[in-house]
């Protein structure tokens, strides 16, 4: 439990940042899920479009500190390889 005023303020700040990061992570996961759905459906055009939307969203989350840079690069690389293998 926070006792000092600065610790109480830090708790409030963490709650705000957690909510923002949670929303960013959810948005990124949704874009990745759209790519996954298009891949499983076998629709190459839709998968390409979804991947083009997912990549900047993922990198934006990296710049905000939600994901690590290598994690994002790995996920994008693997998705790209799967999209290319569709047709």
Protein backbone atom coordinates (compact mmCIF):
# COMPACT_ATOMS: atom_id res chain seq x y z
CA UNK A 1 0.00 0.00 0.00
CA UNK A 2 1.35 3.41 -0.95
CA UNK A 3 1.98 5.72 1.99
CA UNK A 4 3.76 8.77 0.62
CA UNK A 5 2.09 11.23 -1.70
CA UNK A 6 4.63 10.51 -4.46
CA UNK A 7 3.96 6.77 -4.18
CA UNK A 8 0.21 7.40 -4.39
CA UNK A 9 0.75 9.52 -7.50
CA UNK A 10 2.88 6.76 -9.04
CA UNK A 11 0.06 4.28 -8.44
CA UNK A 12 -2.35 6.59 -10.27
CA UNK A 13 0.12 7.03 -13.15
CA UNK A 14 0.65 3.27 -13.44
CA UNK A 15 -3.09 2.67 -13.59
CA UNK A 16 -3.45 5.15 -16.47
CA UNK A 17 -0.47 3.73 -18.36
CA UNK A 18 -1.67 0.17 -17.82
CA UNK A 19 -5.06 1.01 -19.31
CA UNK A 20 -3.45 2.65 -22.35
CA UNK A 21 -1.02 -0.22 -22.91
CA UNK A 22 -3.80 -2.77 -22.52
CA UNK A 23 -5.83 -1.01 -25.20
CA UNK A 24 -2.81 -0.83 -27.54
CA UNK A 25 -2.04 -4.53 -27.01
CA UNK A 26 -5.67 -5.45 -27.74
CA UNK A 27 -5.65 -3.40 -30.93
CA UNK A 28 -2.46 -5.07 -32.16
CA UNK A 29 -3.76 -8.53 -31.34
CA UNK A 30 -6.94 -7.78 -33.29
CA UNK A 31 -4.96 -6.80 -36.37
CA UNK A 32 -2.84 -9.94 -36.06
CA UNK A 33 -5.99 -12.04 -35.70
CA UNK A 34 -7.34 -10.60 -38.96
CA UNK A 35 -4.17 -11.75 -40.72
CA UNK A 36 -4.47 -15.20 -39.15
CA UNK A 37 -8.11 -15.50 -40.22
CA UNK A 38 -7.28 -14.52 -43.79
CA UNK A 39 -4.44 -17.06 -43.88
CA UNK A 40 -6.63 -19.90 -42.61
CA UNK A 41 -9.31 -18.94 -45.14
CA UNK A 42 -6.69 -19.05 -47.89
CA UNK A 43 -7.47 -15.55 -49.13
CA UNK A 44 -4.13 -14.11 -50.23
CA UNK A 45 -5.35 -10.61 -51.14
CA UNK A 46 -7.15 -10.18 -47.84
CA UNK A 47 -4.13 -11.56 -45.95
CA UNK A 48 -1.80 -9.11 -47.70
CA UNK A 49 -4.07 -6.18 -46.88
CA UNK A 50 -4.38 -7.27 -43.26
CA UNK A 51 -0.61 -7.71 -42.99
CA UNK A 52 -0.04 -4.22 -44.38
CA UNK A 53 -2.29 -2.89 -41.61
CA UNK A 54 -0.80 -5.10 -38.89
CA UNK A 55 2.86 -4.25 -39.48
CA UNK A 56 2.67 -0.50 -38.69
CA UNK A 57 0.34 -1.18 -35.76
CA UNK A 58 2.88 -3.62 -34.34
CA UNK A 59 5.79 -1.23 -34.84
CA UNK A 60 3.79 1.62 -33.29
CA UNK A 61 3.27 -0.55 -30.22
CA UNK A 62 7.01 -1.22 -30.14
CA UNK A 63 7.79 2.49 -30.18
CA UNK A 64 5.37 2.98 -27.28
CA UNK A 65 7.04 0.20 -25.27
CA UNK A 66 4.19 -2.31 -25.37
CA UNK A 67 6.17 -4.99 -27.22
CA UNK A 68 9.87 -5.66 -27.61
CA UNK A 69 11.37 -4.83 -31.01
CA UNK A 70 12.56 -8.39 -31.68
CA UNK A 71 9.18 -9.86 -30.73
CA UNK A 72 7.44 -7.65 -33.27
CA UNK A 73 10.01 -8.40 -35.95
CA UNK A 74 9.67 -12.14 -35.34
CA UNK A 75 5.86 -12.08 -35.50
CA UNK A 76 5.80 -9.95 -38.67
CA UNK A 77 8.44 -12.14 -40.31
CA UNK A 78 6.56 -15.35 -39.57
CA UNK A 79 3.25 -13.92 -40.75
CA UNK A 80 4.90 -12.63 -43.93
CA UNK A 81 6.31 -16.08 -44.66
CA UNK A 82 2.90 -17.69 -44.15
CA UNK A 83 1.14 -15.13 -46.37
CA UNK A 84 3.67 -15.73 -49.17
CA UNK A 85 3.10 -19.48 -48.92
CA UNK A 86 -0.67 -19.21 -49.51
CA UNK A 87 -0.97 -18.99 -53.28
